[in-house]
């Protein structure tokens, strides 16, 4: 249970719709899976974020950050403590020459579209990644030969003490599906991107090409968390899984996509346990067949 004094303090800061109790996380993740969060908060400003994080520290509550809810699997028991969700509020996009300043909750597809409108190149790879820029920085998301690291110039975060902290690119520790925020527990609230001036028609042609490839090859019509496994060195996870004959393999409502073996999809009513058990089965069979250990790219969060 969440401390009632904490809830009372939050209500002095937030509007009623910004604070949800026992919020079902299946409504806040692209997998459409997950038990309830004790308390889900949607801060609307930097100041509110600072105040909330100070309260979370004061009451010693567990804390989880969520953007668009892609690339994560929430346990069936849900998430204890406080979930801070930036998806609906921190989504402003500002263009200043070749620079873009965007809120952590802004969706990558919307940022890519805004960049195209201003003839800014470099973000085309992200047009179909189903996440927010905050999540993209957190995981150093990438696709089609591009990655977040190549366009980020700086990040503004809020520490667990409620202090605003600015990071330059070389301080972010961006590597393959990694950033400093995976270890420091800070909230990404704003991202500065540096793009290059290009030709709008060429930029839109690249976006159209990536979109067509994605729509043709990936199971976008079904709930998923995106690519389920990290790319093993020298291999492609989807190819290994396909070669092992695992397309269509199911556990409960979870299934290895028949369209792209690198995706586990929710074919209806899947539980987090179904997904975890399917991931383990895929790992076991791929290891037996190819000697390669697949590592999940999807983050498993919540009460075990």
C-alpha atoms as a PDB file:
ATOM      1  CA  UNK A   1       0.000   0.000   0.000  1.00  0.00           C
ATOM      2  CA  UNK A   2       1.121   3.540  -0.774  1.00  0.00           C
ATOM      3  CA  UNK A   3       1.549   5.855   2.220  1.00  0.00           C
ATOM      4  CA  UNK A   4      -1.612   7.987   2.538  1.00  0.00           C
ATOM      5  CA  UNK A   5       0.426  11.046   3.520  1.00  0.00           C
ATOM      6  CA  UNK A   6       2.369  10.691   0.260  1.00  0.00           C
ATOM      7  CA  UNK A   7      -0.881  10.575  -1.721  1.00  0.00           C
ATOM      8  CA  UNK A   8      -2.212  13.619   0.137  1.00  0.00           C
ATOM      9  CA  UNK A   9       0.995  15.542  -0.616  1.00  0.00           C
ATOM     10  CA  UNK A  10       0.807  14.584  -4.304  1.00  0.00           C
ATOM     11  CA  UNK A  11      -2.794  15.767  -4.536  1.00  0.00           C
ATOM     12  CA  UNK A  12      -1.658  19.241  -3.500  1.00  0.00           C
ATOM     13  CA  UNK A  13       0.632  19.293  -6.541  1.00  0.00           C
ATOM     14  CA  UNK A  14      -1.277  17.365  -9.219  1.00  0.00           C
ATOM     15  CA  UNK A  15      -4.689  17.452 -10.862  1.00  0.00           C
ATOM     16  CA  UNK A  16      -6.881  14.365 -10.227  1.00  0.00           C
ATOM     17  CA  UNK A  17      -6.260  12.940 -13.725  1.00  0.00           C
ATOM     18  CA  UNK A  18      -2.494  13.082 -13.138  1.00  0.00           C
ATOM     19  CA  UNK A  19      -2.601  10.624 -10.231  1.00  0.00           C
ATOM     20  CA  UNK A  20      -3.984   7.116 -10.704  1.00  0.00           C
ATOM     21  CA  UNK A  21      -4.132   4.459  -7.990  1.00  0.00           C
ATOM     22  CA  UNK A  22      -4.051   0.722  -8.794  1.00  0.00           C
ATOM     23  CA  UNK A  23      -3.518   1.631 -12.443  1.00  0.00           C
ATOM     24  CA  UNK A  24      -3.524  -1.454 -14.735  1.00  0.00           C
ATOM     25  CA  UNK A  25      -0.208  -1.340 -16.578  1.00  0.00           C
ATOM     26  CA  UNK A  26      -1.649  -3.238 -19.542  1.00  0.00           C
ATOM     27  CA  UNK A  27      -3.225   0.116 -20.455  1.00  0.00           C
ATOM     28  CA  UNK A  28       0.186   1.817 -20.411  1.00  0.00           C
ATOM     29  CA  UNK A  29       2.383  -0.655 -22.327  1.00  0.00           C
ATOM     30  CA  UNK A  30       2.517  -1.625 -26.006  1.00  0.00           C
ATOM     31  CA  UNK A  31       2.459  -5.329 -24.987  1.00  0.00           C
ATOM     32  CA  UNK A  32      -0.948  -4.685 -23.335  1.00  0.00           C
ATOM     33  CA  UNK A  33       0.229  -6.880 -20.451  1.00  0.00           C
ATOM     34  CA  UNK A  34       0.830  -6.136 -16.788  1.00  0.00           C
ATOM     35  CA  UNK A  35      -0.737  -5.973 -13.353  1.00  0.00           C
ATOM     36  CA  UNK A  36      -1.542  -2.779 -11.453  1.00  0.00           C
ATOM     37  CA  UNK A  37       0.862  -0.048 -10.460  1.00  0.00           C
ATOM     38  CA  UNK A  38       0.241   1.047  -6.874  1.00  0.00           C
ATOM     39  CA  UNK A  39       0.438   4.677  -7.953  1.00  0.00           C
ATOM     40  CA  UNK A  40       0.883   6.081 -11.475  1.00  0.00           C
ATOM     41  CA  UNK A  41       1.767   9.763 -11.766  1.00  0.00           C
ATOM     42  CA  UNK A  42       1.837  11.946 -14.895  1.00  0.00           C
ATOM     43  CA  UNK A  43       3.771  15.120 -14.095  1.00  0.00           C
ATOM     44  CA  UNK A  44       3.102  17.993 -16.490  1.00  0.00           C
ATOM     45  CA  UNK A  45       6.215  20.097 -15.905  1.00  0.00           C
ATOM     46  CA  UNK A  46       9.809  20.018 -14.770  1.00  0.00           C
ATOM     47  CA  UNK A  47       8.768  21.557 -11.443  1.00  0.00           C
ATOM     48  CA  UNK A  48       6.115  18.904 -10.799  1.00  0.00           C
ATOM     49  CA  UNK A  49       8.630  16.187 -11.627  1.00  0.00           C
ATOM     50  CA  UNK A  50      11.106  17.653  -9.143  1.00  0.00           C
ATOM     51  CA  UNK A  51       8.466  17.892  -6.414  1.00  0.00           C
ATOM     52  CA  UNK A  52       7.240  14.334  -6.979  1.00  0.00           C
ATOM     53  CA  UNK A  53      10.746  12.839  -6.914  1.00  0.00           C
ATOM     54  CA  UNK A  54      11.514  14.664  -3.681  1.00  0.00           C
ATOM     55  CA  UNK A  55       8.350  13.226  -2.147  1.00  0.00           C
ATOM     56  CA  UNK A  56       9.201   9.732  -3.395  1.00  0.00           C
ATOM     57  CA  UNK A  57      12.601  10.013  -1.722  1.00  0.00           C
ATOM     58  CA  UNK A  58      11.119  11.452   1.483  1.00  0.00           C
ATOM     59  CA  UNK A  59       8.687   8.536   1.811  1.00  0.00           C
ATOM     60  CA  UNK A  60      11.311   5.996   0.628  1.00  0.00           C
ATOM     61  CA  UNK A  61       9.092   4.518  -2.089  1.00  0.00           C
ATOM     62  CA  UNK A  62      10.184   2.341  -5.013  1.00  0.00           C
ATOM     63  CA  UNK A  63      10.247   4.334  -8.264  1.00  0.00           C
ATOM     64  CA  UNK A  64       9.848   3.340 -11.925  1.00  0.00           C
ATOM     65  CA  UNK A  65       9.880   5.564 -15.034  1.00  0.00           C
ATOM     66  CA  UNK A  66       7.761   4.828 -18.104  1.00  0.00           C
ATOM     67  CA  UNK A  67       7.437   6.556 -21.450  1.00  0.00           C
ATOM     68  CA  UNK A  68       5.322   5.024 -24.199  1.00  0.00           C
ATOM     69  CA  UNK A  69       5.605   1.618 -22.513  1.00  0.00           C
ATOM     70  CA  UNK A  70       7.382  -0.117 -25.387  1.00  0.00           C
ATOM     71  CA  UNK A  71      10.340  -2.447 -24.856  1.00  0.00           C
ATOM     72  CA  UNK A  72       9.053  -3.499 -21.441  1.00  0.00           C
ATOM     73  CA  UNK A  73       7.152  -6.385 -19.920  1.00  0.00           C
ATOM     74  CA  UNK A  74       5.369  -5.635 -16.653  1.00  0.00           C
ATOM     75  CA  UNK A  75       4.859  -8.592 -14.320  1.00  0.00           C
ATOM     76  CA  UNK A  76       1.389  -9.970 -13.654  1.00  0.00           C
ATOM     77  CA  UNK A  77       1.648  -8.766 -10.045  1.00  0.00           C
ATOM     78  CA  UNK A  78       2.224  -5.221 -11.256  1.00  0.00           C
ATOM     79  CA  UNK A  79       4.595  -2.583  -9.914  1.00  0.00           C
ATOM     80  CA  UNK A  80       4.949  -1.630  -6.286  1.00  0.00           C
ATOM     81  CA  UNK A  81       5.529   1.959  -5.343  1.00  0.00           C
ATOM     82  CA  UNK A  82       5.340   4.854  -7.790  1.00  0.00           C
ATOM     83  CA  UNK A  83       5.380   4.806 -11.584  1.00  0.00           C
ATOM     84  CA  UNK A  84       6.116   8.170 -13.212  1.00  0.00           C
ATOM     85  CA  UNK A  85       4.749   8.284 -16.765  1.00  0.00           C
ATOM     86  CA  UNK A  86       5.900  10.999 -19.170  1.00  0.00           C
ATOM     87  CA  UNK A  87       3.969   9.801 -22.239  1.00  0.00           C
ATOM     88  CA  UNK A  88       1.005  12.175 -22.233  1.00  0.00           C
ATOM     89  CA  UNK A  89       2.596  15.319 -20.865  1.00  0.00           C
ATOM     90  CA  UNK A  90       6.266  15.708 -21.794  1.00  0.00           C
ATOM     91  CA  UNK A  91       5.735  15.650 -25.556  1.00  0.00           C
ATOM     92  CA  UNK A  92       6.613  19.169 -26.741  1.00  0.00           C
ATOM     93  CA  UNK A  93       8.777  19.436 -29.888  1.00  0.00           C
ATOM     94  CA  UNK A  94      10.714  22.628 -30.606  1.00  0.00           C
ATOM     95  CA  UNK A  95      12.850  23.232 -33.701  1.00  0.00           C
ATOM     96  CA  UNK A  96      15.698  25.755 -33.614  1.00  0.00           C
ATOM     97  CA  UNK A  97      17.672  25.672 -36.866  1.00  0.00           C
ATOM     98  CA  UNK A  98      19.232  22.204 -37.076  1.00  0.00           C
ATOM     99  CA  UNK A  99      18.583  21.614 -33.374  1.00  0.00           C
ATOM    100  CA  UNK A 100      15.452  20.008 -31.898  1.00  0.00           C
ATOM    101  CA  UNK A 101      14.516  20.196 -28.220  1.00  0.00           C
ATOM    102  CA  UNK A 102      11.943  17.564 -27.314  1.00  0.00           C
ATOM    103  CA  UNK A 103      10.153  16.370 -24.201  1.00  0.00           C
ATOM    104  CA  UNK A 104      11.007  12.862 -23.014  1.00  0.00           C
ATOM    105  CA  UNK A 105       7.499  11.608 -23.755  1.00  0.00           C
ATOM    106  CA  UNK A 106       7.453  12.743 -27.403  1.00  0.00           C
ATOM    107  CA  UNK A 107       7.028   9.794 -29.753  1.00  0.00           C
ATOM    108  CA  UNK A 108       9.853   9.036 -32.160  1.00  0.00           C
ATOM    109  CA  UNK A 109       7.469   8.958 -35.132  1.00  0.00           C
ATOM    110  CA  UNK A 110       6.238  12.463 -34.285  1.00  0.00           C
ATOM    111  CA  UNK A 111       9.790  13.788 -33.897  1.00  0.00           C
ATOM    112  CA  UNK A 112      10.814  12.180 -37.199  1.00  0.00           C
ATOM    113  CA  UNK A 113       7.826  13.826 -38.902  1.00  0.00           C
ATOM    114  CA  UNK A 114       8.663  17.230 -37.411  1.00  0.00           C
ATOM    115  CA  UNK A 115      12.262  16.819 -38.584  1.00  0.00           C
ATOM    116  CA  UNK A 116      11.078  16.002 -42.116  1.00  0.00           C
ATOM    117  CA  UNK A 117       8.824  19.083 -42.156  1.00  0.00           C
ATOM    118  CA  UNK A 118      11.899  21.222 -41.432  1.00  0.00           C
ATOM    119  CA  UNK A 119      14.130  19.324 -43.919  1.00  0.00           C
ATOM    120  CA  UNK A 120      16.261  17.945 -41.104  1.00  0.00           C
ATOM    121  CA  UNK A 121      18.017  14.636 -41.790  1.00  0.00           C
ATOM    122  CA  UNK A 122      19.422  12.002 -39.456  1.00  0.00           C
ATOM    123  CA  UNK A 123      16.356  10.748 -37.629  1.00  0.00           C
ATOM    124  CA  UNK A 124      14.731   8.739 -40.433  1.00  0.00           C
ATOM    125  CA  UNK A 125      15.805   5.427 -38.864  1.00  0.00           C
ATOM    126  CA  UNK A 126      13.539   6.134 -35.879  1.00  0.00           C
ATOM    127  CA  UNK A 127      10.315   6.736 -37.790  1.00  0.00           C
ATOM    128  CA  UNK A 128       8.852   3.332 -36.935  1.00  0.00           C
ATOM    129  CA  UNK A 129      10.340   2.615 -33.513  1.00  0.00           C
ATOM    130  CA  UNK A 130       7.289   2.381 -31.208  1.00  0.00           C
ATOM    131  CA  UNK A 131       8.661   4.436 -28.356  1.00  0.00           C
ATOM    132  CA  UNK A 132       9.362   7.856 -26.928  1.00  0.00           C
ATOM    133  CA  UNK A 133      12.626   9.775 -27.160  1.00  0.00           C
ATOM    134  CA  UNK A 134      13.185   9.262 -23.430  1.00  0.00           C
ATOM    135  CA  UNK A 135      12.991   5.501 -23.865  1.00  0.00           C
ATOM    136  CA  UNK A 136      15.171   5.737 -26.968  1.00  0.00           C
ATOM    137  CA  UNK A 137      17.909   7.508 -24.989  1.00  0.00           C
ATOM    138  CA  UNK A 138      17.520   5.095 -22.062  1.00  0.00           C
ATOM    139  CA  UNK A 139      18.109   2.094 -24.380  1.00  0.00           C
ATOM    140  CA  UNK A 140      20.117   3.867 -27.106  1.00  0.00           C
ATOM    141  CA  UNK A 141      17.480   2.531 -29.480  1.00  0.00           C
ATOM    142  CA  UNK A 142      18.389   1.917 -33.087  1.00  0.00           C
ATOM    143  CA  UNK A 143      17.163   0.535 -36.397  1.00  0.00           C
ATOM    144  CA  UNK A 144      18.271   0.265 -40.026  1.00  0.00           C
ATOM    145  CA  UNK A 145      21.862   1.207 -39.277  1.00  0.00           C
ATOM    146  CA  UNK A 146      21.027   4.284 -37.206  1.00  0.00           C
ATOM    147  CA  UNK A 147      20.986   4.740 -33.456  1.00  0.00           C
ATOM    148  CA  UNK A 148      19.932   7.382 -30.970  1.00  0.00           C
ATOM    149  CA  UNK A 149      23.555   8.096 -30.084  1.00  0.00           C
ATOM    150  CA  UNK A 150      24.128   9.566 -33.542  1.00  0.00           C
ATOM    151  CA  UNK A 151      21.584  12.386 -33.126  1.00  0.00           C
ATOM    152  CA  UNK A 152      21.624  13.215 -29.386  1.00  0.00           C
ATOM    153  CA  UNK A 153      23.532  16.312 -28.347  1.00  0.00           C
ATOM    154  CA  UNK A 154      22.469  16.710 -24.699  1.00  0.00           C
ATOM    155  CA  UNK A 155      19.962  15.429 -22.127  1.00  0.00           C
ATOM    156  CA  UNK A 156      18.268  17.123 -19.199  1.00  0.00           C
ATOM    157  CA  UNK A 157      17.362  14.882 -16.295  1.00  0.00           C
ATOM    158  CA  UNK A 158      15.962  15.115 -12.777  1.00  0.00           C
ATOM    159  CA  UNK A 159      17.875  13.289 -10.041  1.00  0.00           C
ATOM    160  CA  UNK A 160      16.327  11.254  -7.229  1.00  0.00           C
ATOM    161  CA  UNK A 161      16.936  14.336  -5.044  1.00  0.00           C
ATOM    162  CA  UNK A 162      14.728  16.384  -7.351  1.00  0.00           C
ATOM    163  CA  UNK A 163      17.597  18.382  -8.833  1.00  0.00           C
ATOM    164  CA  UNK A 164      17.875  19.236 -12.529  1.00  0.00           C
ATOM    165  CA  UNK A 165      21.031  17.858 -14.139  1.00  0.00           C
ATOM    166  CA  UNK A 166      22.366  18.436 -17.667  1.00  0.00           C
ATOM    167  CA  UNK A 167      24.340  15.817 -19.580  1.00  0.00           C
ATOM    168  CA  UNK A 168      26.513  16.294 -22.648  1.00  0.00           C
ATOM    169  CA  UNK A 169      26.660  13.451 -25.183  1.00  0.00           C
ATOM    170  CA  UNK A 170      30.004  12.136 -23.910  1.00  0.00           C
ATOM    171  CA  UNK A 171      28.560  11.787 -20.390  1.00  0.00           C
ATOM    172  CA  UNK A 172      25.630   9.567 -21.419  1.00  0.00           C
ATOM    173  CA  UNK A 173      27.619   6.293 -21.760  1.00  0.00           C
ATOM    174  CA  UNK A 174      25.605   5.353 -24.843  1.00  0.00           C
ATOM    175  CA  UNK A 175      26.441   1.851 -26.075  1.00  0.00           C
ATOM    176  CA  UNK A 176      24.514  -1.054 -27.575  1.00  0.00           C
ATOM    177  CA  UNK A 177      21.081  -0.795 -25.888  1.00  0.00           C
ATOM    178  CA  UNK A 178      22.733   0.968 -22.947  1.00  0.00           C
ATOM    179  CA  UNK A 179      22.915   4.388 -21.289  1.00  0.00           C
ATOM    180  CA  UNK A 180      23.976   5.830 -17.949  1.00  0.00           C
ATOM    181  CA  UNK A 181      20.312   6.104 -16.934  1.00  0.00           C
ATOM    182  CA  UNK A 182      20.051   2.341 -16.542  1.00  0.00           C
ATOM    183  CA  UNK A 183      22.301   2.612 -13.494  1.00  0.00           C
ATOM    184  CA  UNK A 184      21.805   6.120 -12.070  1.00  0.00           C
ATOM    185  CA  UNK A 185      18.014   5.969 -11.659  1.00  0.00           C
ATOM    186  CA  UNK A 186      17.452   9.516 -12.904  1.00  0.00           C
ATOM    187  CA  UNK A 187      14.463  10.731 -14.921  1.00  0.00           C
ATOM    188  CA  UNK A 188      15.092  11.817 -18.502  1.00  0.00           C
ATOM    189  CA  UNK A 189      12.843  14.830 -19.051  1.00  0.00           C
ATOM    190  CA  UNK A 190      14.196  16.637 -22.129  1.00  0.00           C
ATOM    191  CA  UNK A 191      16.464  15.711 -25.036  1.00  0.00           C
ATOM    192  CA  UNK A 192      18.385  17.982 -27.392  1.00  0.00           C
ATOM    193  CA  UNK A 193      18.976  16.573 -30.869  1.00  0.00           C
ATOM    194  CA  UNK A 194      21.436  17.821 -33.483  1.00  0.00           C
ATOM    195  CA  UNK A 195      20.445  17.001 -37.068  1.00  0.00           C
ATOM    196  CA  UNK A 196      21.696  18.110 -40.480  1.00  0.00           C
ATOM    197  CA  UNK A 197      19.944  20.191 -43.124  1.00  0.00           C
ATOM    198  CA  UNK A 198      18.794  17.961 -45.960  1.00  0.00           C
ATOM    199  CA  UNK A 199      16.300  17.654 -48.777  1.00  0.00           C
ATOM    200  CA  UNK A 200      12.721  17.102 -47.585  1.00  0.00           C
ATOM    201  CA  UNK A 201      11.811  14.884 -50.537  1.00  0.00           C
ATOM    202  CA  UNK A 202      14.829  12.626 -49.912  1.00  0.00           C
ATOM    203  CA  UNK A 203      14.124  12.503 -46.190  1.00  0.00           C
ATOM    204  CA  UNK A 204      10.500  11.506 -46.807  1.00  0.00           C
ATOM    205  CA  UNK A 205      11.606   8.907 -49.352  1.00  0.00           C
ATOM    206  CA  UNK A 206      13.870   7.323 -46.701  1.00  0.00           C
ATOM    207  CA  UNK A 207      11.045   7.393 -44.159  1.00  0.00           C
ATOM    208  CA  UNK A 208       8.673   5.787 -46.674  1.00  0.00           C
ATOM    209  CA  UNK A 209      11.260   3.082 -47.435  1.00  0.00           C
ATOM    210  CA  UNK A 210      11.846   2.249 -43.764  1.00  0.00           C
ATOM    211  CA  UNK A 211       8.098   2.308 -43.068  1.00  0.00           C
ATOM    212  CA  UNK A 212       7.368  -0.042 -45.961  1.00  0.00           C
ATOM    213  CA  UNK A 213      10.088  -2.451 -44.839  1.00  0.00           C
ATOM    214  CA  UNK A 214       8.809  -2.392 -41.277  1.00  0.00           C
ATOM    215  CA  UNK A 215       5.163  -2.889 -42.245  1.00  0.00           C
ATOM    216  CA  UNK A 216       6.067  -5.742 -44.576  1.00  0.00           C
ATOM    217  CA  UNK A 217       8.308  -7.645 -42.185  1.00  0.00           C
ATOM    218  CA  UNK A 218       7.140  -6.862 -38.646  1.00  0.00           C
ATOM    219  CA  UNK A 219       3.933  -7.851 -36.817  1.00  0.00           C
ATOM    220  CA  UNK A 220       2.754  -4.285 -36.227  1.00  0.00           C
ATOM    221  CA  UNK A 221      -0.875  -5.395 -36.164  1.00  0.00           C
ATOM    222  CA  UNK A 222      -0.362  -7.307 -32.881  1.00  0.00           C
ATOM    223  CA  UNK A 223       0.637  -6.066 -29.416  1.00  0.00           C
ATOM    224  CA  UNK A 224       4.324  -6.558 -28.690  1.00  0.00           C
ATOM    225  CA  UNK A 225       7.209  -4.796 -26.993  1.00  0.00           C
ATOM    226  CA  UNK A 226       9.253  -4.525 -30.190  1.00  0.00           C
ATOM    227  CA  UNK A 227      12.272  -6.755 -30.783  1.00  0.00           C
ATOM    228  CA  UNK A 228      12.359  -9.319 -27.993  1.00  0.00           C
ATOM    229  CA  UNK A 229      16.071 -10.210 -28.054  1.00  0.00           C
ATOM    230  CA  UNK A 230      19.316  -8.308 -28.374  1.00  0.00           C
ATOM    231  CA  UNK A 231      21.374  -8.963 -31.476  1.00  0.00           C
ATOM    232  CA  UNK A 232      23.970 -11.638 -30.647  1.00  0.00           C
ATOM    233  CA  UNK A 233      27.421 -10.836 -32.006  1.00  0.00           C
ATOM    234  CA  UNK A 234      27.755 -12.187 -35.526  1.00  0.00           C
ATOM    235  CA  UNK A 235      24.103 -13.215 -35.801  1.00  0.00           C
ATOM    236  CA  UNK A 236      20.542 -11.931 -36.031  1.00  0.00           C
ATOM    237  CA  UNK A 237      18.223 -13.162 -33.279  1.00  0.00           C
ATOM    238  CA  UNK A 238      15.201 -13.457 -35.579  1.00  0.00           C
ATOM    239  CA  UNK A 239      17.150 -15.524 -38.113  1.00  0.00           C
ATOM    240  CA  UNK A 240      18.410 -17.931 -35.432  1.00  0.00           C
ATOM    241  CA  UNK A 241      14.907 -18.377 -34.029  1.00  0.00           C
ATOM    242  CA  UNK A 242      13.463 -18.914 -37.518  1.00  0.00           C
ATOM    243  CA  UNK A 243      16.194 -21.442 -38.388  1.00  0.00           C
ATOM    244  CA  UNK A 244      15.337 -23.327 -35.191  1.00  0.00           C
ATOM    245  CA  UNK A 245      11.767 -23.698 -36.471  1.00  0.00           C
ATOM    246  CA  UNK A 246      10.172 -21.656 -33.713  1.00  0.00           C
ATOM    247  CA  UNK A 247       7.897 -19.315 -35.670  1.00  0.00           C
ATOM    248  CA  UNK A 248       4.395 -19.700 -34.237  1.00  0.00           C
ATOM    249  CA  UNK A 249       5.587 -21.390 -31.032  1.00  0.00           C
ATOM    250  CA  UNK A 250       3.135 -20.420 -28.289  1.00  0.00           C
ATOM    251  CA  UNK A 251       2.832 -20.461 -24.525  1.00  0.00           C
ATOM    252  CA  UNK A 252      -0.657 -19.415 -23.474  1.00  0.00           C
ATOM    253  CA  UNK A 253      -1.455 -16.147 -25.230  1.00  0.00           C
ATOM    254  CA  UNK A 254       2.178 -15.401 -26.098  1.00  0.00           C
ATOM    255  CA  UNK A 255       3.519 -16.409 -29.495  1.00  0.00           C
ATOM    256  CA  UNK A 256       6.703 -16.174 -31.523  1.00  0.00           C
ATOM    257  CA  UNK A 257       5.443 -14.076 -34.433  1.00  0.00           C
ATOM    258  CA  UNK A 258       4.758 -16.005 -37.636  1.00  0.00           C
ATOM    259  CA  UNK A 259       5.742 -12.826 -39.530  1.00  0.00           C
ATOM    260  CA  UNK A 260       9.080 -12.045 -37.822  1.00  0.00           C
ATOM    261  CA  UNK A 261      10.646 -14.557 -35.446  1.00  0.00           C
ATOM    262  CA  UNK A 262      12.459 -11.804 -33.525  1.00  0.00           C
ATOM    263  CA  UNK A 263       9.154 -10.650 -32.025  1.00  0.00           C
ATOM    264  CA  UNK A 264       7.068 -12.235 -29.287  1.00  0.00           C
ATOM    265  CA  UNK A 265       3.481 -11.044 -29.671  1.00  0.00           C
ATOM    266  CA  UNK A 266       0.383 -11.012 -27.500  1.00  0.00           C
ATOM    267  CA  UNK A 267      -2.108 -12.945 -29.617  1.00  0.00           C
ATOM    268  CA  UNK A 268      -4.820 -12.329 -27.011  1.00  0.00           C
ATOM    269  CA  UNK A 269      -4.965 -12.564 -23.240  1.00  0.00           C
ATOM    270  CA  UNK A 270      -1.250 -13.240 -22.775  1.00  0.00           C
ATOM    271  CA  UNK A 271       0.138 -12.938 -19.272  1.00  0.00           C
ATOM    272  CA  UNK A 272       3.645 -11.809 -18.385  1.00  0.00           C
ATOM    273  CA  UNK A 273       4.304 -15.375 -17.211  1.00  0.00           C
ATOM    274  CA  UNK A 274       3.355 -16.658 -20.690  1.00  0.00           C
ATOM    275  CA  UNK A 275       5.873 -14.290 -22.291  1.00  0.00           C
ATOM    276  CA  UNK A 276       8.660 -15.130 -19.829  1.00  0.00           C
ATOM    277  CA  UNK A 277       8.129 -18.866 -20.247  1.00  0.00           C
ATOM    278  CA  UNK A 278       8.147 -18.501 -24.029  1.00  0.00           C
ATOM    279  CA  UNK A 279      11.346 -16.442 -23.916  1.00  0.00           C
ATOM    280  CA  UNK A 280      13.011 -19.133 -21.803  1.00  0.00           C
ATOM    281  CA  UNK A 281      11.878 -21.871 -24.204  1.00  0.00           C
ATOM    282  CA  UNK A 282      13.219 -19.950 -27.205  1.00  0.00           C
ATOM    283  CA  UNK A 283      16.544 -19.352 -25.423  1.00  0.00           C
ATOM    284  CA  UNK A 284      16.845 -23.047 -24.559  1.00  0.00           C
ATOM    285  CA  UNK A 285      16.092 -24.321 -28.053  1.00  0.00           C
ATOM    286  CA  UNK A 286      18.309 -21.777 -29.845  1.00  0.00           C
ATOM    287  CA  UNK A 287      21.181 -22.634 -27.472  1.00  0.00           C
ATOM    288  CA  UNK A 288      20.693 -26.340 -28.184  1.00  0.00           C
ATOM    289  CA  UNK A 289      20.519 -25.834 -31.953  1.00  0.00           C
ATOM    290  CA  UNK A 290      23.146 -23.140 -32.502  1.00  0.00           C
ATOM    291  CA  UNK A 291      25.161 -22.772 -29.296  1.00  0.00           C
ATOM    292  CA  UNK A 292      24.151 -19.120 -29.069  1.00  0.00           C
ATOM    293  CA  UNK A 293      22.736 -17.587 -25.880  1.00  0.00           C
ATOM    294  CA  UNK A 294      20.045 -15.038 -26.666  1.00  0.00           C
ATOM    295  CA  UNK A 295      19.651 -12.158 -24.228  1.00  0.00           C
ATOM    296  CA  UNK A 296      16.310 -10.364 -23.858  1.00  0.00           C
ATOM    297  CA  UNK A 297      16.163  -6.801 -25.116  1.00  0.00           C
ATOM    298  CA  UNK A 298      12.740  -6.389 -23.484  1.00  0.00           C
ATOM    299  CA  UNK A 299      13.032  -5.093 -19.916  1.00  0.00           C
ATOM    300  CA  UNK A 300      11.233  -7.173 -17.288  1.00  0.00           C
ATOM    301  CA  UNK A 301       9.892  -4.882 -14.578  1.00  0.00           C
ATOM    302  CA  UNK A 302       7.577  -5.134 -11.595  1.00  0.00           C
ATOM    303  CA  UNK A 303       7.034  -7.458  -8.660  1.00  0.00           C
ATOM    304  CA  UNK A 304       8.325 -10.971  -9.258  1.00  0.00           C
END
